[in-house]
Amino acid sequence: MDDDVLTEQEEEKISYLLATKYASPVIQAKCLGMAVAGMASFEPAKFTFERRLGINPHVTITNISGKNAWVILAPAPIVSVESMGIDKIGNISFSTTGDYKCQQILLRNNKTDDYELDTSQIYYSVFFDCDGKWKTPFKNRKINTRKYNINLLERHVVDSIDSSEVPI
């Protein structure tokens, strides 16, 4: 199965978590008494025009993996033009500057949360707590948060390997 495509069951779980997170306390109370299948009609938060432009970048991470997860978010380097030469047409020099700080988050199972970012292009790594061993399905995966959120799924746990066996 394509890792970027959600199954119907995964979509229902994520919709349920997002609906209860962003809903009023009255709706949250009603949701607790309803079956998960009934929650599919609640719309998850829409990507706004502001988000598409990359203004105030953030990402929503939803964990429905069945395990607690340790997530590391790292900004992609910001590239700026350092110099341009006219005598040699097309002579452009780029540079990357600044310090980059990673955000490290423990996200419990069946939880969703929003995180502010410095840039909309980020790398993320995920580690699942599998009976006292940390396993990872991927490290340093690039994502454009203008278009996508991060969903941690049961199939990611199945595809994980012991983090000590991952080549650097």
N, C-alpha and C. Protein backbone atom coordinates (compact mmCIF):
# COMPACT_ATOMS: atom_id res chain seq x y z
N MET A 1 0.84 -1.19 0.00
CA MET A 1 0.00 0.00 0.00
C MET A 1 0.89 1.24 0.00
N ASP A 2 0.49 2.25 -0.74
CA ASP A 2 1.20 3.52 -0.80
C ASP A 2 1.15 4.17 0.58
N ASP A 3 2.31 4.57 1.10
CA ASP A 3 2.40 5.11 2.45
C ASP A 3 1.68 6.44 2.59
N ASP A 4 1.46 7.16 1.50
CA ASP A 4 0.81 8.47 1.57
C ASP A 4 -0.71 8.38 1.49
N VAL A 5 -1.25 7.20 1.27
CA VAL A 5 -2.69 7.03 1.12
C VAL A 5 -3.25 6.37 2.38
N LEU A 6 -4.28 7.00 2.96
CA LEU A 6 -4.91 6.46 4.16
C LEU A 6 -6.00 5.47 3.80
N THR A 7 -6.12 4.41 4.62
CA THR A 7 -7.25 3.51 4.46
C THR A 7 -8.48 4.19 5.04
N GLU A 8 -9.65 3.64 4.77
CA GLU A 8 -10.89 4.23 5.28
C GLU A 8 -10.90 4.21 6.81
N GLN A 9 -10.42 3.12 7.40
CA GLN A 9 -10.39 2.99 8.86
C GLN A 9 -9.42 4.02 9.47
N GLU A 10 -8.25 4.21 8.85
CA GLU A 10 -7.29 5.21 9.34
C GLU A 10 -7.87 6.61 9.24
N GLU A 11 -8.55 6.88 8.14
CA GLU A 11 -9.17 8.19 7.95
C GLU A 11 -10.24 8.46 9.00
N GLU A 12 -11.02 7.44 9.34
CA GLU A 12 -12.05 7.60 10.37
C GLU A 12 -11.44 7.91 11.73
N LYS A 13 -10.38 7.19 12.10
CA LYS A 13 -9.73 7.43 13.39
C LYS A 13 -9.16 8.85 13.46
N ILE A 14 -8.51 9.28 12.40
CA ILE A 14 -7.92 10.62 12.37
C ILE A 14 -9.02 11.68 12.41
N SER A 15 -10.08 11.50 11.65
CA SER A 15 -11.20 12.44 11.66
C SER A 15 -11.80 12.56 13.05
N TYR A 16 -11.92 11.42 13.72
CA TYR A 16 -12.47 11.41 15.08
C TYR A 16 -11.59 12.22 16.03
N LEU A 17 -10.27 11.98 16.00
CA LEU A 17 -9.37 12.71 16.89
C LEU A 17 -9.39 14.21 16.60
N LEU A 18 -9.35 14.58 15.33
CA LEU A 18 -9.36 16.00 14.97
C LEU A 18 -10.69 16.66 15.33
N ALA A 19 -11.78 15.94 15.13
CA ALA A 19 -13.10 16.50 15.44
C ALA A 19 -13.23 16.76 16.93
N THR A 20 -12.77 15.84 17.76
CA THR A 20 -12.89 16.03 19.19
C THR A 20 -11.90 17.08 19.69
N LYS A 21 -10.75 17.20 19.06
CA LYS A 21 -9.76 18.20 19.49
C LYS A 21 -10.25 19.62 19.21
N TYR A 22 -10.79 19.86 18.03
CA TYR A 22 -11.17 21.21 17.63
C TYR A 22 -12.62 21.57 17.92
N ALA A 23 -13.38 20.63 18.44
CA ALA A 23 -14.79 20.89 18.70
C ALA A 23 -14.99 21.54 20.07
N SER A 24 -16.17 22.08 20.27
CA SER A 24 -16.53 22.66 21.56
C SER A 24 -16.65 21.54 22.59
N PRO A 25 -16.61 21.87 23.89
CA PRO A 25 -16.77 20.84 24.92
C PRO A 25 -18.08 20.07 24.81
N VAL A 26 -19.15 20.72 24.34
CA VAL A 26 -20.44 20.04 24.18
C VAL A 26 -20.33 18.96 23.10
N ILE A 27 -19.73 19.33 21.97
CA ILE A 27 -19.56 18.35 20.88
C ILE A 27 -18.61 17.24 21.31
N GLN A 28 -17.56 17.57 22.05
CA GLN A 28 -16.63 16.55 22.53
C GLN A 28 -17.37 15.53 23.40
N ALA A 29 -18.24 16.00 24.28
CA ALA A 29 -18.99 15.10 25.15
C ALA A 29 -19.90 14.18 24.33
N LYS A 30 -20.55 14.75 23.29
CA LYS A 30 -21.41 13.93 22.43
C LYS A 30 -20.59 12.90 21.67
N CYS A 31 -19.37 13.29 21.24
CA CYS A 31 -18.52 12.39 20.48
C CYS A 31 -18.11 11.18 21.30
N LEU A 32 -17.90 11.37 22.57
CA LEU A 32 -17.46 10.26 23.42
C LEU A 32 -18.51 9.17 23.49
N GLY A 33 -19.78 9.51 23.31
CA GLY A 33 -20.84 8.52 23.36
C GLY A 33 -21.16 7.91 22.01
N MET A 34 -20.50 8.37 20.95
CA MET A 34 -20.80 7.89 19.60
C MET A 34 -19.76 6.88 19.14
N ALA A 35 -20.13 6.05 18.20
CA ALA A 35 -19.19 5.11 17.60
C ALA A 35 -18.23 5.86 16.69
N VAL A 36 -17.02 5.32 16.51
CA VAL A 36 -16.02 5.96 15.66
C VAL A 36 -16.53 6.12 14.23
N ALA A 37 -17.28 5.15 13.73
CA ALA A 37 -17.78 5.22 12.36
C ALA A 37 -18.68 6.42 12.17
N GLY A 38 -19.38 6.85 13.22
CA GLY A 38 -20.25 8.00 13.11
C GLY A 38 -19.50 9.31 13.04
N MET A 39 -18.20 9.30 13.31
CA MET A 39 -17.42 10.52 13.34
C MET A 39 -16.87 10.90 11.97
N ALA A 40 -16.98 10.03 10.99
CA ALA A 40 -16.41 10.32 9.68
C ALA A 40 -17.03 11.55 9.04
N SER A 41 -18.24 11.93 9.46
CA SER A 41 -18.89 13.10 8.88
C SER A 41 -18.29 14.41 9.40
N PHE A 42 -17.56 14.38 10.50
CA PHE A 42 -16.91 15.60 10.98
C PHE A 42 -15.75 15.94 10.08
N GLU A 43 -15.68 17.19 9.67
CA GLU A 43 -14.61 17.61 8.77
C GLU A 43 -13.35 17.92 9.57
N PRO A 44 -12.21 17.38 9.19
CA PRO A 44 -10.96 17.78 9.83
C PRO A 44 -10.63 19.22 9.45
N ALA A 45 -9.71 19.83 10.20
CA ALA A 45 -9.31 21.21 9.92
C ALA A 45 -8.85 21.34 8.48
N LYS A 46 -9.35 22.36 7.80
CA LYS A 46 -9.00 22.58 6.40
C LYS A 46 -7.66 23.31 6.30
N PHE A 47 -6.96 23.09 5.22
CA PHE A 47 -5.75 23.85 4.94
C PHE A 47 -6.19 25.23 4.46
N THR A 48 -5.78 26.25 5.18
CA THR A 48 -6.18 27.62 4.86
C THR A 48 -5.29 28.21 3.79
N PHE A 49 -5.75 29.31 3.20
CA PHE A 49 -4.98 30.04 2.21
C PHE A 49 -3.65 30.49 2.83
N GLU A 50 -3.71 30.93 4.09
CA GLU A 50 -2.52 31.36 4.83
C GLU A 50 -1.50 30.22 4.92
N ARG A 51 -2.00 29.02 5.19
CA ARG A 51 -1.10 27.86 5.30
C ARG A 51 -0.48 27.51 3.96
N ARG A 52 -1.27 27.58 2.89
CA ARG A 52 -0.75 27.29 1.55
C ARG A 52 0.37 28.24 1.16
N LEU A 53 0.29 29.51 1.63
CA LEU A 53 1.34 30.49 1.34
C LEU A 53 2.56 30.32 2.24
N GLY A 54 2.45 29.53 3.30
CA GLY A 54 3.57 29.32 4.19
C GLY A 54 3.68 30.35 5.29
N ILE A 55 2.60 31.11 5.51
CA ILE A 55 2.59 32.10 6.59
C ILE A 55 2.26 31.37 7.89
N ASN A 56 3.03 31.64 8.93
CA ASN A 56 2.87 30.96 10.22
C ASN A 56 2.88 29.44 10.05
N PRO A 57 3.98 28.87 9.56
CA PRO A 57 4.01 27.43 9.31
C PRO A 57 3.81 26.60 10.58
N HIS A 58 3.06 25.54 10.42
CA HIS A 58 2.83 24.59 11.51
C HIS A 58 2.48 23.23 10.91
N VAL A 59 2.49 22.22 11.76
CA VAL A 59 2.13 20.88 11.33
C VAL A 59 1.29 20.24 12.43
N THR A 60 0.32 19.45 12.01
CA THR A 60 -0.49 18.66 12.95
C THR A 60 0.00 17.22 12.87
N ILE A 61 0.33 16.66 14.02
CA ILE A 61 0.77 15.26 14.08
C ILE A 61 -0.31 14.47 14.80
N THR A 62 -0.77 13.40 14.16
CA THR A 62 -1.78 12.53 14.73
C THR A 62 -1.19 11.13 14.88
N ASN A 63 -1.28 10.58 16.09
CA ASN A 63 -0.73 9.26 16.37
C ASN A 63 -1.87 8.27 16.61
N ILE A 64 -2.10 7.38 15.65
CA ILE A 64 -3.06 6.28 15.82
C ILE A 64 -2.35 4.95 15.59
N SER A 65 -1.08 4.89 16.01
CA SER A 65 -0.23 3.73 15.73
C SER A 65 -0.42 2.59 16.73
N GLY A 66 -1.03 2.87 17.87
CA GLY A 66 -1.13 1.85 18.91
C GLY A 66 0.06 1.89 19.87
N LYS A 67 1.02 2.76 19.61
CA LYS A 67 2.24 2.89 20.43
C LYS A 67 2.50 4.36 20.72
N ASN A 68 3.23 4.64 21.80
CA ASN A 68 3.72 5.99 22.03
C ASN A 68 4.84 6.26 21.04
N ALA A 69 4.96 7.51 20.60
CA ALA A 69 5.95 7.84 19.58
C ALA A 69 6.80 9.02 20.03
N TRP A 70 8.08 8.97 19.67
CA TRP A 70 9.01 10.07 19.86
C TRP A 70 9.25 10.65 18.47
N VAL A 71 8.91 11.92 18.30
CA VAL A 71 9.00 12.56 16.98
C VAL A 71 10.02 13.69 17.05
N ILE A 72 10.88 13.75 16.07
CA ILE A 72 11.87 14.82 15.97
C ILE A 72 11.57 15.60 14.69
N LEU A 73 11.34 16.90 14.84
CA LEU A 73 11.09 17.79 13.71
C LEU A 73 12.31 18.69 13.52
N ALA A 74 12.83 18.74 12.30
CA ALA A 74 13.99 19.57 12.00
C ALA A 74 13.71 20.39 10.76
N PRO A 75 13.99 21.70 10.81
CA PRO A 75 13.75 22.53 9.62
C PRO A 75 14.72 22.20 8.50
N ALA A 76 14.25 22.27 7.28
CA ALA A 76 15.15 22.14 6.13
C ALA A 76 15.98 23.41 6.04
N PRO A 77 17.21 23.33 5.57
CA PRO A 77 18.05 24.54 5.48
C PRO A 77 17.41 25.61 4.60
N ILE A 78 17.56 26.83 5.03
CA ILE A 78 17.07 27.97 4.27
C ILE A 78 18.20 28.42 3.36
N VAL A 79 17.95 28.42 2.06
CA VAL A 79 18.97 28.79 1.09
C VAL A 79 18.69 30.20 0.62
N SER A 80 19.73 31.03 0.63
CA SER A 80 19.57 32.40 0.15
C SER A 80 20.66 32.71 -0.88
N VAL A 81 20.39 33.68 -1.73
CA VAL A 81 21.35 34.09 -2.75
C VAL A 81 22.43 34.92 -2.07
N GLU A 82 23.69 34.49 -2.24
CA GLU A 82 24.81 35.19 -1.63
C GLU A 82 25.37 36.26 -2.56
N SER A 83 25.49 35.91 -3.84
CA SER A 83 25.99 36.91 -4.80
C SER A 83 25.56 36.52 -6.21
N MET A 84 25.57 37.52 -7.09
CA MET A 84 25.26 37.30 -8.49
C MET A 84 26.30 38.04 -9.32
N GLY A 85 26.84 37.38 -10.33
CA GLY A 85 27.82 38.01 -11.20
C GLY A 85 27.23 38.29 -12.56
N ILE A 86 27.43 39.50 -13.06
CA ILE A 86 26.89 39.88 -14.37
C ILE A 86 27.88 39.53 -15.47
N ASP A 87 29.21 39.69 -15.23
CA ASP A 87 30.19 39.43 -16.27
C ASP A 87 30.14 37.99 -16.78
N LYS A 88 29.83 37.06 -15.94
CA LYS A 88 29.63 35.68 -16.36
C LYS A 88 28.13 35.41 -16.18
N ILE A 89 27.41 35.46 -17.24
CA ILE A 89 25.95 35.35 -17.17
C ILE A 89 25.57 34.02 -16.52
N GLY A 90 24.72 34.11 -15.52
CA GLY A 90 24.26 32.93 -14.81
C GLY A 90 25.12 32.57 -13.61
N ASN A 91 26.04 33.40 -13.21
CA ASN A 91 26.89 33.12 -12.07
C ASN A 91 26.16 33.54 -10.78
N ILE A 92 25.62 32.57 -10.08
CA ILE A 92 24.88 32.83 -8.85
C ILE A 92 25.47 31.95 -7.76
N SER A 93 25.68 32.54 -6.59
CA SER A 93 26.23 31.81 -5.45
C SER A 93 25.17 31.74 -4.35
N PHE A 94 24.95 30.54 -3.80
CA PHE A 94 23.96 30.34 -2.74
C PHE A 94 24.66 30.04 -1.43
N SER A 95 23.97 30.33 -0.33
CA SER A 95 24.52 29.99 0.99
C SER A 95 23.39 29.57 1.92
N THR A 96 23.76 28.78 2.91
CA THR A 96 22.82 28.43 3.98
C THR A 96 23.43 28.96 5.27
N THR A 97 22.61 29.66 6.04
CA THR A 97 23.12 30.25 7.26
C THR A 97 22.14 30.03 8.40
N GLY A 98 22.65 30.23 9.59
CA GLY A 98 21.80 30.16 10.77
C GLY A 98 21.90 28.83 11.49
N ASP A 99 21.47 28.84 12.74
CA ASP A 99 21.44 27.64 13.55
C ASP A 99 20.06 27.00 13.44
N TYR A 100 20.05 25.69 13.46
CA TYR A 100 18.79 24.96 13.35
C TYR A 100 18.55 24.18 14.63
N LYS A 101 17.40 24.37 15.22
CA LYS A 101 17.03 23.67 16.44
C LYS A 101 15.94 22.67 16.11
N CYS A 102 16.10 21.46 16.61
CA CYS A 102 15.09 20.42 16.42
C CYS A 102 14.07 20.49 17.55
N GLN A 103 12.84 20.15 17.22
CA GLN A 103 11.81 19.97 18.24
C GLN A 103 11.69 18.46 18.47
N GLN A 104 11.69 18.06 19.74
CA GLN A 104 11.53 16.65 20.08
C GLN A 104 10.27 16.51 20.92
N ILE A 105 9.42 15.59 20.50
CA ILE A 105 8.08 15.49 21.08
C ILE A 105 7.76 14.05 21.42
N LEU A 106 7.20 13.81 22.61
CA LEU A 106 6.61 12.52 22.92
C LEU A 106 5.13 12.65 22.65
N LEU A 107 4.62 11.83 21.74
CA LEU A 107 3.21 11.88 21.39
C LEU A 107 2.58 10.53 21.72
N ARG A 108 1.66 10.56 22.65
CA ARG A 108 1.00 9.32 23.08
C ARG A 108 0.04 8.81 22.01
N ASN A 109 -0.29 7.55 22.11
CA ASN A 109 -1.22 6.93 21.18
C ASN A 109 -2.59 7.61 21.27
N ASN A 110 -3.28 7.69 20.15
CA ASN A 110 -4.61 8.30 20.04
C ASN A 110 -4.62 9.77 20.47
N LYS A 111 -3.55 10.47 20.13
CA LYS A 111 -3.46 11.91 20.42
C LYS A 111 -3.11 12.65 19.14
N THR A 112 -3.50 13.90 19.08
CA THR A 112 -3.14 14.77 17.98
C THR A 112 -2.74 16.11 18.56
N ASP A 113 -1.75 16.76 17.95
CA ASP A 113 -1.30 18.05 18.45
C ASP A 113 -0.70 18.87 17.32
N ASP A 114 -0.71 20.18 17.50
CA ASP A 114 -0.16 21.12 16.52
C ASP A 114 1.18 21.64 17.00
N TYR A 115 2.11 21.85 16.06
CA TYR A 115 3.44 22.35 16.40
C TYR A 115 3.81 23.47 15.45
N GLU A 116 4.28 24.58 16.02
CA GLU A 116 4.74 25.71 15.22
C GLU A 116 6.11 25.39 14.65
N LEU A 117 6.37 25.91 13.44
CA LEU A 117 7.62 25.63 12.74
C LEU A 117 8.27 26.93 12.29
N ASP A 118 9.57 26.86 11.99
CA ASP A 118 10.29 28.01 11.45
C ASP A 118 10.13 28.10 9.94
N THR A 119 9.93 26.97 9.30
CA THR A 119 9.81 26.90 7.85
C THR A 119 8.82 25.80 7.50
N SER A 120 8.21 25.87 6.34
CA SER A 120 7.22 24.86 5.97
C SER A 120 7.86 23.58 5.42
N GLN A 121 9.12 23.63 5.03
CA GLN A 121 9.84 22.44 4.58
C GLN A 121 10.61 21.88 5.78
N ILE A 122 10.27 20.66 6.22
CA ILE A 122 10.94 20.08 7.38
C ILE A 122 11.33 18.63 7.10
N TYR A 123 12.22 18.14 7.94
CA TYR A 123 12.55 16.71 8.00
C TYR A 123 12.02 16.21 9.34
N TYR A 124 11.50 14.99 9.33
CA TYR A 124 11.06 14.42 10.60
C TYR A 124 11.49 12.97 10.72
N SER A 125 11.74 12.58 11.97
CA SER A 125 12.09 11.20 12.29
C SER A 125 11.11 10.73 13.36
N VAL A 126 10.77 9.44 13.31
CA VAL A 126 9.80 8.88 14.24
C VAL A 126 10.38 7.63 14.87
N PHE A 127 10.17 7.50 16.18
CA PHE A 127 10.59 6.32 16.92
C PHE A 127 9.40 5.86 17.76
N PHE A 128 9.08 4.55 17.66
CA PHE A 128 7.97 3.99 18.43
C PHE A 128 8.52 3.19 19.61
N ASP A 129 7.84 3.32 20.76
CA ASP A 129 8.20 2.54 21.95
C ASP A 129 7.51 1.18 21.85
N CYS A 130 8.30 0.17 21.47
CA CYS A 130 7.78 -1.19 21.29
C CYS A 130 8.32 -2.06 22.42
N ASP A 131 7.58 -2.12 23.51
CA ASP A 131 7.96 -2.93 24.68
C ASP A 131 9.37 -2.60 25.16
N GLY A 132 9.66 -1.33 25.33
CA GLY A 132 10.95 -0.90 25.85
C GLY A 132 12.05 -0.75 24.82
N LYS A 133 11.80 -1.09 23.56
CA LYS A 133 12.76 -0.91 22.46
C LYS A 133 12.24 0.18 21.54
N TRP A 134 13.13 1.05 21.12
CA TRP A 134 12.75 2.11 20.19
C TRP A 134 12.96 1.63 18.77
N LYS A 135 11.88 1.65 17.99
CA LYS A 135 11.94 1.22 16.60
C LYS A 135 11.53 2.38 15.70
N THR A 136 12.09 2.40 14.49
CA THR A 136 11.79 3.50 13.58
C THR A 136 11.40 2.98 12.20
N PRO A 137 10.36 3.56 11.60
CA PRO A 137 10.02 3.22 10.23
C PRO A 137 10.81 4.05 9.22
N PHE A 138 11.25 5.25 9.64
CA PHE A 138 12.03 6.13 8.77
C PHE A 138 12.69 7.22 9.61
N LYS A 139 13.78 7.74 9.07
CA LYS A 139 14.49 8.86 9.68
C LYS A 139 14.70 9.93 8.62
N ASN A 140 14.65 11.17 9.04
CA ASN A 140 14.91 12.31 8.16
C ASN A 140 14.05 12.29 6.89
N ARG A 141 12.78 12.09 7.07
CA ARG A 141 11.84 12.10 5.95
C ARG A 141 11.39 13.54 5.70
N LYS A 142 11.49 14.00 4.46
CA LYS A 142 11.14 15.39 4.13
C LYS A 142 9.64 15.50 3.88
N ILE A 143 9.08 16.63 4.34
CA ILE A 143 7.65 16.87 4.14
C ILE A 143 7.43 18.38 3.93
N ASN A 144 6.48 18.68 3.06
CA ASN A 144 6.06 20.05 2.83
C ASN A 144 4.80 20.28 3.66
N THR A 145 4.93 21.00 4.77
CA THR A 145 3.80 21.18 5.67
C THR A 145 2.77 22.18 5.16
N ARG A 146 3.03 22.80 4.00
CA ARG A 146 1.99 23.62 3.36
C ARG A 146 0.88 22.72 2.84
N LYS A 147 1.24 21.48 2.50
CA LYS A 147 0.29 20.55 1.90
C LYS A 147 -0.10 19.40 2.81
N TYR A 148 0.81 18.96 3.68
CA TYR A 148 0.58 17.71 4.41
C TYR A 148 0.77 17.86 5.91
N ASN A 149 0.02 17.05 6.65
CA ASN A 149 0.23 16.83 8.07
C ASN A 149 0.93 15.48 8.23
N ILE A 150 1.27 15.12 9.45
CA ILE A 150 1.94 13.84 9.72
C ILE A 150 0.96 12.93 10.44
N ASN A 151 0.76 11.73 9.90
CA ASN A 151 -0.10 10.72 10.52
C ASN A 151 0.76 9.50 10.84
N LEU A 152 0.80 9.13 12.11
CA LEU A 152 1.54 7.95 12.54
C LEU A 152 0.54 6.80 12.65
N LEU A 153 0.76 5.75 11.86
CA LEU A 153 -0.21 4.69 11.67
C LEU A 153 0.30 3.34 12.18
N GLU A 154 -0.62 2.39 12.37
CA GLU A 154 -0.24 1.05 12.81
C GLU A 154 0.73 0.39 11.83
N ARG A 155 0.54 0.63 10.55
CA ARG A 155 1.43 0.01 9.55
C ARG A 155 2.86 0.55 9.65
N HIS A 156 3.02 1.77 10.19
CA HIS A 156 4.38 2.29 10.40
C HIS A 156 5.09 1.49 11.49
N VAL A 157 4.35 1.06 12.52
CA VAL A 157 4.94 0.24 13.58
C VAL A 157 5.36 -1.11 13.00
N VAL A 158 4.50 -1.68 12.18
CA VAL A 158 4.79 -2.98 11.55
C VAL A 158 6.05 -2.88 10.68
N ASP A 159 6.23 -1.76 9.99
CA ASP A 159 7.38 -1.57 9.10
C ASP A 159 8.65 -1.11 9.82
N SER A 160 8.58 -0.92 11.13
CA SER A 160 9.71 -0.38 11.88
C SER A 160 10.78 -1.43 12.15
N ILE A 161 12.01 -0.93 12.27
CA ILE A 161 13.13 -1.79 12.68
C ILE A 161 13.78 -1.17 13.91
N ASP A 162 14.54 -1.98 14.63
CA ASP A 162 15.24 -1.52 15.83
C ASP A 162 16.12 -0.33 15.45
N SER A 163 16.00 0.76 16.19
CA SER A 163 16.74 1.98 15.84
C SER A 163 18.25 1.80 15.92
N SER A 164 18.73 0.83 16.67
CA SER A 164 20.18 0.59 16.74
C SER A 164 20.70 -0.08 15.46
N GLU A 165 19.81 -0.63 14.65
CA GLU A 165 20.20 -1.29 13.40
C GLU A 165 20.13 -0.38 12.19
N VAL A 166 19.70 0.87 12.40
CA VAL A 166 19.56 1.80 11.29
C VAL A 166 20.93 2.38 10.94
N PRO A 167 21.34 2.28 9.67
CA PRO A 167 22.62 2.88 9.30
C PRO A 167 22.54 4.40 9.42
N ILE A 168 23.63 5.00 9.77
CA ILE A 168 23.66 6.47 9.96
C ILE A 168 23.63 7.19 8.65
